[in-house]
Amino acid sequence: MMSRAIIKPQKWRNLVLLRLPIRTNPRTLHEGPDTVEELLDRHVAKNRSSTSSILDEEEEERLARRRLTSTRREVLSLYRDILRATRFFLWTDARGVPWRDVLRENARKEFEEARFEKDPEVVTRLLIGGRDAVDSALERLAEKQRIEIEKQRRG
């Protein structure tokens, strides 16, 4: 099975090829975990044995800060990826509002609603769900654009 880090730039490259000049070196969108297992392993609390629970308060605080920084980095990366993905939604809805703006507004609202969530399992579920939603939306958009290009080539 190929890792997400290899697949993800390819998805973006497919969309970019349709609108922008070709880049010679694809770069990853973020430096986060490659798989869902790594994401869960990083953020889900683990049971500790009695010998490892003797950590002093400073080390506990440092570990908590590192987990918070990692989660914050993942959340910001997902939000930036959503904003990047919305650039490709140029058409308008029934009210005449561009879908780009509608998607950005909804993303902002959902991130604000989950802003003060403290449970690491809930945060991890939200991150995984958000990442999957962005990936599937980009895949569907790329497929629709491929179909449109094929229709234009045929005549």
N, C-alpha and C. Protein backbone atom coordinates (compact mmCIF):
# COMPACT_ATOMS: atom_id res chain seq x y z
N MET A 1 0.85 -1.19 0.00
CA MET A 1 0.00 0.00 0.00
C MET A 1 0.88 1.24 0.00
N MET A 2 0.56 2.20 -0.83
CA MET A 2 1.35 3.43 -0.91
C MET A 2 0.97 4.36 0.24
N SER A 3 1.94 5.12 0.71
CA SER A 3 1.65 6.02 1.82
C SER A 3 0.93 7.26 1.31
N ARG A 4 0.25 7.95 2.23
CA ARG A 4 -0.50 9.15 1.88
C ARG A 4 0.44 10.25 1.37
N ALA A 5 1.66 10.30 1.89
CA ALA A 5 2.59 11.35 1.50
C ALA A 5 2.94 11.25 0.02
N ILE A 6 2.93 10.05 -0.52
CA ILE A 6 3.22 9.88 -1.94
C ILE A 6 1.98 10.18 -2.77
N ILE A 7 0.82 9.79 -2.30
CA ILE A 7 -0.41 9.96 -3.07
C ILE A 7 -0.88 11.41 -3.07
N LYS A 8 -0.78 12.09 -1.93
CA LYS A 8 -1.35 13.42 -1.80
C LYS A 8 -0.79 14.44 -2.80
N PRO A 9 0.55 14.56 -2.97
CA PRO A 9 1.03 15.53 -3.96
C PRO A 9 0.54 15.21 -5.37
N GLN A 10 0.36 13.94 -5.68
CA GLN A 10 -0.14 13.57 -7.00
C GLN A 10 -1.54 14.12 -7.22
N LYS A 11 -2.40 14.08 -6.20
CA LYS A 11 -3.75 14.62 -6.33
C LYS A 11 -3.68 16.10 -6.65
N TRP A 12 -2.87 16.83 -5.90
CA TRP A 12 -2.75 18.26 -6.13
C TRP A 12 -2.16 18.51 -7.51
N ARG A 13 -1.18 17.70 -7.91
CA ARG A 13 -0.57 17.90 -9.20
C ARG A 13 -1.59 17.73 -10.31
N ASN A 14 -2.50 16.75 -10.18
CA ASN A 14 -3.54 16.56 -11.20
C ASN A 14 -4.41 17.79 -11.33
N LEU A 15 -4.76 18.41 -10.20
CA LEU A 15 -5.60 19.59 -10.26
C LEU A 15 -4.82 20.79 -10.78
N VAL A 16 -3.58 20.91 -10.37
CA VAL A 16 -2.76 22.04 -10.79
C VAL A 16 -2.47 21.96 -12.29
N LEU A 17 -2.29 20.75 -12.82
CA LEU A 17 -2.00 20.60 -14.23
C LEU A 17 -3.11 21.18 -15.10
N LEU A 18 -4.31 21.16 -14.58
CA LEU A 18 -5.44 21.64 -15.36
C LEU A 18 -5.48 23.17 -15.42
N ARG A 19 -4.86 23.85 -14.50
CA ARG A 19 -4.96 25.31 -14.41
C ARG A 19 -3.62 26.05 -14.47
N LEU A 20 -2.56 25.46 -13.91
CA LEU A 20 -1.31 26.18 -13.74
C LEU A 20 -0.15 25.50 -14.46
N PRO A 21 0.98 26.19 -14.61
CA PRO A 21 2.16 25.55 -15.21
C PRO A 21 2.64 24.38 -14.37
N ILE A 22 3.33 23.46 -14.99
CA ILE A 22 3.80 22.24 -14.32
C ILE A 22 4.99 22.58 -13.43
N ARG A 23 4.97 22.02 -12.21
CA ARG A 23 6.10 22.15 -11.30
C ARG A 23 7.00 20.93 -11.48
N THR A 24 8.29 21.14 -11.37
CA THR A 24 9.21 20.03 -11.55
C THR A 24 9.41 19.22 -10.28
N ASN A 25 9.28 19.83 -9.13
CA ASN A 25 9.47 19.09 -7.88
C ASN A 25 8.23 19.21 -7.02
N PRO A 26 7.45 18.13 -6.90
CA PRO A 26 6.27 18.20 -6.03
C PRO A 26 6.71 18.27 -4.58
N ARG A 27 5.99 19.05 -3.80
CA ARG A 27 6.32 19.13 -2.39
C ARG A 27 5.11 18.69 -1.60
N THR A 28 5.36 18.16 -0.42
CA THR A 28 4.26 17.68 0.40
C THR A 28 3.52 18.87 0.99
N LEU A 29 2.26 18.66 1.29
CA LEU A 29 1.43 19.73 1.82
C LEU A 29 1.73 20.00 3.29
N HIS A 30 2.13 18.98 4.01
CA HIS A 30 2.46 19.14 5.42
C HIS A 30 3.42 18.04 5.82
N GLU A 31 4.01 18.19 6.96
CA GLU A 31 4.97 17.21 7.45
C GLU A 31 4.34 16.40 8.58
N GLY A 32 3.08 16.07 8.46
CA GLY A 32 2.37 15.31 9.48
C GLY A 32 2.52 13.82 9.28
N PRO A 33 1.72 13.04 10.01
CA PRO A 33 1.81 11.59 9.90
C PRO A 33 1.36 11.12 8.52
N ASP A 34 1.91 9.99 8.10
CA ASP A 34 1.60 9.44 6.79
C ASP A 34 0.35 8.57 6.80
N THR A 35 0.03 7.97 7.91
CA THR A 35 -1.11 7.06 7.96
C THR A 35 -2.02 7.43 9.12
N VAL A 36 -3.22 6.87 9.08
CA VAL A 36 -4.18 7.08 10.16
C VAL A 36 -3.65 6.46 11.45
N GLU A 37 -2.96 5.31 11.33
CA GLU A 37 -2.40 4.65 12.51
C GLU A 37 -1.39 5.54 13.21
N GLU A 38 -0.54 6.21 12.42
CA GLU A 38 0.44 7.11 13.02
C GLU A 38 -0.25 8.29 13.69
N LEU A 39 -1.31 8.81 13.08
CA LEU A 39 -2.05 9.91 13.67
C LEU A 39 -2.68 9.48 14.99
N LEU A 40 -3.31 8.32 15.00
CA LEU A 40 -3.92 7.82 16.23
C LEU A 40 -2.86 7.54 17.30
N ASP A 41 -1.75 6.93 16.88
CA ASP A 41 -0.69 6.61 17.82
C ASP A 41 -0.13 7.87 18.47
N ARG A 42 -0.07 8.94 17.71
CA ARG A 42 0.49 10.19 18.22
C ARG A 42 -0.46 10.89 19.18
N HIS A 43 -1.79 10.78 18.96
CA HIS A 43 -2.72 11.62 19.71
C HIS A 43 -3.56 10.90 20.75
N VAL A 44 -3.71 9.59 20.66
CA VAL A 44 -4.55 8.88 21.60
C VAL A 44 -3.74 8.55 22.85
N ALA A 45 -4.32 8.81 24.01
CA ALA A 45 -3.63 8.56 25.27
C ALA A 45 -3.43 7.07 25.46
N LYS A 46 -2.27 6.72 25.98
CA LYS A 46 -1.93 5.32 26.22
C LYS A 46 -1.89 5.06 27.72
N ASN A 47 -2.19 3.82 28.11
CA ASN A 47 -2.07 3.43 29.51
C ASN A 47 -0.59 3.31 29.85
N ARG A 48 -0.20 3.85 30.99
CA ARG A 48 1.19 3.80 31.41
C ARG A 48 1.35 2.81 32.56
N SER A 49 2.48 2.19 32.60
CA SER A 49 2.76 1.27 33.72
C SER A 49 3.15 2.11 34.94
N SER A 50 3.16 1.47 36.10
CA SER A 50 3.44 2.19 37.33
C SER A 50 4.86 2.74 37.35
N THR A 51 5.81 2.06 36.70
CA THR A 51 7.19 2.55 36.71
C THR A 51 7.35 3.78 35.84
N SER A 52 6.59 3.87 34.74
CA SER A 52 6.73 5.04 33.87
C SER A 52 5.90 6.22 34.35
N SER A 53 5.05 6.02 35.35
CA SER A 53 4.22 7.12 35.82
C SER A 53 4.92 7.95 36.88
N ILE A 54 6.20 7.70 37.09
CA ILE A 54 6.97 8.43 38.09
C ILE A 54 7.65 9.66 37.48
N LEU A 55 7.22 10.06 36.32
CA LEU A 55 7.81 11.23 35.68
C LEU A 55 7.55 12.47 36.52
N ASP A 56 8.54 13.35 36.59
CA ASP A 56 8.36 14.57 37.36
C ASP A 56 7.42 15.53 36.62
N GLU A 57 6.97 16.55 37.30
CA GLU A 57 5.97 17.47 36.74
C GLU A 57 6.48 18.22 35.52
N GLU A 58 7.75 18.57 35.50
CA GLU A 58 8.29 19.30 34.37
C GLU A 58 8.24 18.46 33.09
N GLU A 59 8.60 17.19 33.22
CA GLU A 59 8.58 16.33 32.04
C GLU A 59 7.15 16.08 31.56
N GLU A 60 6.22 15.92 32.51
CA GLU A 60 4.81 15.77 32.13
C GLU A 60 4.33 17.01 31.37
N GLU A 61 4.70 18.18 31.88
CA GLU A 61 4.29 19.42 31.22
C GLU A 61 4.91 19.53 29.83
N ARG A 62 6.17 19.15 29.71
CA ARG A 62 6.85 19.21 28.42
C ARG A 62 6.20 18.25 27.41
N LEU A 63 5.86 17.04 27.87
CA LEU A 63 5.18 16.08 26.99
C LEU A 63 3.81 16.59 26.58
N ALA A 64 3.07 17.19 27.52
CA ALA A 64 1.75 17.74 27.18
C ALA A 64 1.88 18.87 26.18
N ARG A 65 2.89 19.72 26.34
CA ARG A 65 3.10 20.82 25.40
C ARG A 65 3.46 20.29 24.01
N ARG A 66 4.27 19.23 23.96
CA ARG A 66 4.64 18.65 22.67
C ARG A 66 3.42 18.06 21.96
N ARG A 67 2.55 17.37 22.71
CA ARG A 67 1.33 16.81 22.12
C ARG A 67 0.43 17.93 21.61
N LEU A 68 0.30 19.00 22.39
CA LEU A 68 -0.52 20.13 22.00
C LEU A 68 0.03 20.78 20.74
N THR A 69 1.34 20.95 20.68
CA THR A 69 1.97 21.56 19.51
C THR A 69 1.74 20.69 18.28
N SER A 70 1.87 19.39 18.45
CA SER A 70 1.66 18.47 17.33
C SER A 70 0.22 18.54 16.84
N THR A 71 -0.73 18.52 17.75
CA THR A 71 -2.14 18.60 17.39
C THR A 71 -2.44 19.94 16.72
N ARG A 72 -1.91 21.00 17.28
CA ARG A 72 -2.13 22.32 16.71
C ARG A 72 -1.58 22.40 15.29
N ARG A 73 -0.40 21.81 15.08
CA ARG A 73 0.21 21.80 13.75
C ARG A 73 -0.66 21.03 12.77
N GLU A 74 -1.20 19.90 13.19
CA GLU A 74 -2.07 19.10 12.34
C GLU A 74 -3.34 19.86 11.98
N VAL A 75 -3.94 20.53 12.96
CA VAL A 75 -5.18 21.28 12.72
C VAL A 75 -4.92 22.43 11.76
N LEU A 76 -3.85 23.17 11.98
CA LEU A 76 -3.54 24.28 11.08
C LEU A 76 -3.23 23.79 9.67
N SER A 77 -2.55 22.66 9.58
CA SER A 77 -2.25 22.08 8.27
C SER A 77 -3.53 21.70 7.54
N LEU A 78 -4.47 21.08 8.25
CA LEU A 78 -5.75 20.72 7.64
C LEU A 78 -6.50 21.97 7.19
N TYR A 79 -6.53 23.01 8.03
CA TYR A 79 -7.24 24.24 7.67
C TYR A 79 -6.62 24.89 6.43
N ARG A 80 -5.31 24.93 6.37
CA ARG A 80 -4.64 25.50 5.18
C ARG A 80 -4.94 24.67 3.93
N ASP A 81 -4.95 23.35 4.09
CA ASP A 81 -5.27 22.48 2.95
C ASP A 81 -6.69 22.72 2.45
N ILE A 82 -7.61 22.95 3.38
CA ILE A 82 -9.00 23.25 2.99
C ILE A 82 -9.04 24.57 2.22
N LEU A 83 -8.34 25.58 2.71
CA LEU A 83 -8.32 26.87 2.01
C LEU A 83 -7.70 26.73 0.62
N ARG A 84 -6.63 25.93 0.51
CA ARG A 84 -6.03 25.70 -0.81
C ARG A 84 -7.00 24.98 -1.74
N ALA A 85 -7.70 24.00 -1.21
CA ALA A 85 -8.61 23.21 -2.04
C ALA A 85 -9.78 24.05 -2.53
N THR A 86 -10.22 25.02 -1.74
CA THR A 86 -11.39 25.81 -2.15
C THR A 86 -11.09 26.70 -3.34
N ARG A 87 -9.82 26.93 -3.64
CA ARG A 87 -9.49 27.77 -4.81
C ARG A 87 -10.00 27.17 -6.11
N PHE A 88 -10.21 25.86 -6.15
CA PHE A 88 -10.62 25.19 -7.37
C PHE A 88 -12.14 25.21 -7.59
N PHE A 89 -12.92 25.67 -6.61
CA PHE A 89 -14.38 25.71 -6.71
C PHE A 89 -14.79 27.12 -7.12
N LEU A 90 -14.84 27.36 -8.41
CA LEU A 90 -15.05 28.71 -8.94
C LEU A 90 -16.50 29.04 -9.26
N TRP A 91 -17.35 28.03 -9.47
CA TRP A 91 -18.72 28.30 -9.87
C TRP A 91 -19.55 28.80 -8.70
N THR A 92 -20.76 29.31 -8.98
CA THR A 92 -21.61 29.90 -7.94
C THR A 92 -22.77 28.98 -7.61
N ASP A 93 -23.34 29.21 -6.44
CA ASP A 93 -24.53 28.44 -6.04
C ASP A 93 -25.79 29.15 -6.54
N ALA A 94 -26.95 28.72 -6.10
CA ALA A 94 -28.22 29.26 -6.57
C ALA A 94 -28.39 30.75 -6.22
N ARG A 95 -27.75 31.18 -5.13
CA ARG A 95 -27.85 32.59 -4.71
C ARG A 95 -26.84 33.48 -5.40
N GLY A 96 -25.94 32.89 -6.18
CA GLY A 96 -24.91 33.67 -6.85
C GLY A 96 -23.63 33.83 -6.05
N VAL A 97 -23.54 33.13 -4.93
CA VAL A 97 -22.34 33.19 -4.08
C VAL A 97 -21.36 32.13 -4.57
N PRO A 98 -20.09 32.48 -4.77
CA PRO A 98 -19.12 31.46 -5.21
C PRO A 98 -18.98 30.34 -4.19
N TRP A 99 -18.91 29.10 -4.68
CA TRP A 99 -18.77 27.94 -3.79
C TRP A 99 -17.52 28.05 -2.95
N ARG A 100 -16.49 28.67 -3.48
CA ARG A 100 -15.24 28.87 -2.73
C ARG A 100 -15.54 29.57 -1.41
N ASP A 101 -16.36 30.63 -1.46
CA ASP A 101 -16.67 31.38 -0.25
C ASP A 101 -17.56 30.58 0.70
N VAL A 102 -18.51 29.84 0.15
CA VAL A 102 -19.40 29.02 0.97
C VAL A 102 -18.59 27.96 1.71
N LEU A 103 -17.68 27.29 0.99
CA LEU A 103 -16.87 26.25 1.62
C LEU A 103 -15.95 26.82 2.68
N ARG A 104 -15.36 27.95 2.42
CA ARG A 104 -14.47 28.58 3.40
C ARG A 104 -15.24 29.00 4.66
N GLU A 105 -16.43 29.54 4.47
CA GLU A 105 -17.24 29.96 5.60
C GLU A 105 -17.65 28.76 6.46
N ASN A 106 -18.07 27.67 5.80
CA ASN A 106 -18.44 26.47 6.55
C ASN A 106 -17.25 25.85 7.27
N ALA A 107 -16.09 25.84 6.64
CA ALA A 107 -14.90 25.30 7.28
C ALA A 107 -14.55 26.13 8.52
N ARG A 108 -14.59 27.44 8.38
CA ARG A 108 -14.28 28.32 9.50
C ARG A 108 -15.25 28.07 10.66
N LYS A 109 -16.54 27.92 10.33
CA LYS A 109 -17.56 27.69 11.36
C LYS A 109 -17.29 26.37 12.09
N GLU A 110 -16.98 25.31 11.35
CA GLU A 110 -16.72 24.01 11.98
C GLU A 110 -15.46 24.04 12.83
N PHE A 111 -14.43 24.72 12.37
CA PHE A 111 -13.20 24.81 13.17
C PHE A 111 -13.45 25.61 14.43
N GLU A 112 -14.24 26.67 14.34
CA GLU A 112 -14.55 27.47 15.53
C GLU A 112 -15.38 26.67 16.53
N GLU A 113 -16.31 25.84 16.04
CA GLU A 113 -17.13 25.03 16.95
C GLU A 113 -16.28 24.03 17.72
N ALA A 114 -15.22 23.52 17.09
CA ALA A 114 -14.37 22.52 17.74
C ALA A 114 -13.13 23.13 18.37
N ARG A 115 -13.07 24.43 18.45
CA ARG A 115 -11.87 25.12 18.90
C ARG A 115 -11.43 24.74 20.31
N PHE A 116 -12.35 24.59 21.22
CA PHE A 116 -12.01 24.34 22.61
C PHE A 116 -12.18 22.88 23.00
N GLU A 117 -12.20 22.00 22.04
CA GLU A 117 -12.31 20.57 22.32
C GLU A 117 -11.01 20.09 22.96
N LYS A 118 -11.12 19.43 24.10
CA LYS A 118 -9.93 18.98 24.85
C LYS A 118 -9.67 17.49 24.72
N ASP A 119 -10.70 16.71 24.40
CA ASP A 119 -10.54 15.26 24.32
C ASP A 119 -9.70 14.88 23.10
N PRO A 120 -8.52 14.25 23.31
CA PRO A 120 -7.65 13.94 22.17
C PRO A 120 -8.28 12.97 21.17
N GLU A 121 -9.11 12.07 21.64
CA GLU A 121 -9.75 11.13 20.72
C GLU A 121 -10.75 11.84 19.80
N VAL A 122 -11.49 12.79 20.35
CA VAL A 122 -12.45 13.55 19.55
C VAL A 122 -11.69 14.41 18.53
N VAL A 123 -10.62 15.06 18.98
CA VAL A 123 -9.82 15.89 18.08
C VAL A 123 -9.25 15.03 16.95
N THR A 124 -8.75 13.85 17.29
CA THR A 124 -8.19 12.95 16.27
C THR A 124 -9.27 12.52 15.28
N ARG A 125 -10.46 12.20 15.78
CA ARG A 125 -11.56 11.83 14.88
C ARG A 125 -11.91 12.98 13.95
N LEU A 126 -11.95 14.19 14.49
CA LEU A 126 -12.25 15.36 13.66
C LEU A 126 -11.17 15.58 12.60
N LEU A 127 -9.92 15.41 12.98
CA LEU A 127 -8.82 15.56 12.02
C LEU A 127 -8.91 14.54 10.90
N ILE A 128 -9.16 13.29 11.27
CA ILE A 128 -9.25 12.23 10.26
C ILE A 128 -10.43 12.47 9.34
N GLY A 129 -11.58 12.83 9.93
CA GLY A 129 -12.77 13.11 9.11
C GLY A 129 -12.56 14.29 8.18
N GLY A 130 -11.93 15.34 8.67
CA GLY A 130 -11.65 16.51 7.84
C GLY A 130 -10.69 16.20 6.71
N ARG A 131 -9.65 15.45 7.02
CA ARG A 131 -8.66 15.09 5.99
C ARG A 131 -9.31 14.21 4.92
N ASP A 132 -10.13 13.25 5.34
CA ASP A 132 -10.82 12.39 4.37
C ASP A 132 -11.78 13.20 3.50
N ALA A 133 -12.48 14.16 4.09
CA ALA A 133 -13.42 14.99 3.32
C ALA A 133 -12.68 15.82 2.27
N VAL A 134 -11.56 16.40 2.63
CA VAL A 134 -10.79 17.20 1.68
C VAL A 134 -10.28 16.31 0.55
N ASP A 135 -9.72 15.15 0.92
CA ASP A 135 -9.19 14.23 -0.09
C ASP A 135 -10.27 13.77 -1.06
N SER A 136 -11.44 13.39 -0.54
CA SER A 136 -12.50 12.89 -1.42
C SER A 136 -13.06 14.02 -2.30
N ALA A 137 -13.17 15.22 -1.76
CA ALA A 137 -13.66 16.35 -2.56
C ALA A 137 -12.69 16.65 -3.71
N LEU A 138 -11.40 16.63 -3.42
CA LEU A 138 -10.41 16.87 -4.48
C LEU A 138 -10.41 15.76 -5.53
N GLU A 139 -10.58 14.52 -5.08
CA GLU A 139 -10.65 13.41 -6.03
C GLU A 139 -11.86 13.55 -6.95
N ARG A 140 -13.01 13.87 -6.38
CA ARG A 140 -14.22 14.04 -7.20
C ARG A 140 -14.08 15.21 -8.15
N LEU A 141 -13.50 16.31 -7.69
CA LEU A 141 -13.30 17.47 -8.55
C LEU A 141 -12.35 17.14 -9.69
N ALA A 142 -11.27 16.44 -9.40
CA ALA A 142 -10.31 16.06 -10.45
C ALA A 142 -10.97 15.14 -11.47
N GLU A 143 -11.79 14.21 -11.00
CA GLU A 143 -12.48 13.29 -11.92
C GLU A 143 -13.45 14.06 -12.82
N LYS A 144 -14.20 14.99 -12.25
CA LYS A 144 -15.13 15.80 -13.06
C LYS A 144 -14.37 16.63 -14.09
N GLN A 145 -13.24 17.18 -13.70
CA GLN A 145 -12.46 17.97 -14.65
C GLN A 145 -11.88 17.11 -15.76
N ARG A 146 -11.46 15.88 -15.42
CA ARG A 146 -10.98 14.96 -16.46
C ARG A 146 -12.09 14.63 -17.45
N ILE A 147 -13.29 14.42 -16.94
CA ILE A 147 -14.44 14.12 -17.81
C ILE A 147 -14.72 15.31 -18.73
N GLU A 148 -14.70 16.52 -18.20
CA GLU A 148 -14.94 17.72 -19.01
C GLU A 148 -13.87 17.89 -20.09
N ILE A 149 -12.63 17.62 -19.75
CA ILE A 149 -11.55 17.74 -20.73
C ILE A 149 -11.74 16.72 -21.84
N GLU A 150 -12.13 15.50 -21.47
CA GLU A 150 -12.38 14.46 -22.48
C GLU A 150 -13.53 14.86 -23.39
N LYS A 151 -14.59 15.46 -22.84
CA LYS A 151 -15.71 15.91 -23.65
C LYS A 151 -15.28 16.99 -24.63
N GLN A 152 -14.45 17.91 -24.17
CA GLN A 152 -13.96 18.99 -25.04
C GLN A 152 -13.07 18.45 -26.15
N ARG A 153 -12.27 17.44 -25.84
CA ARG A 153 -11.39 16.86 -26.86
C ARG A 153 -12.18 16.12 -27.94
N ARG A 154 -13.27 15.46 -27.53
CA ARG A 154 -14.08 14.70 -28.48
C ARG A 154 -14.87 15.61 -29.42
N GLY A 155 -15.18 16.75 -28.96
CA GLY A 155 -15.86 17.58 -29.92
C GLY A 155 -16.83 18.50 -29.38
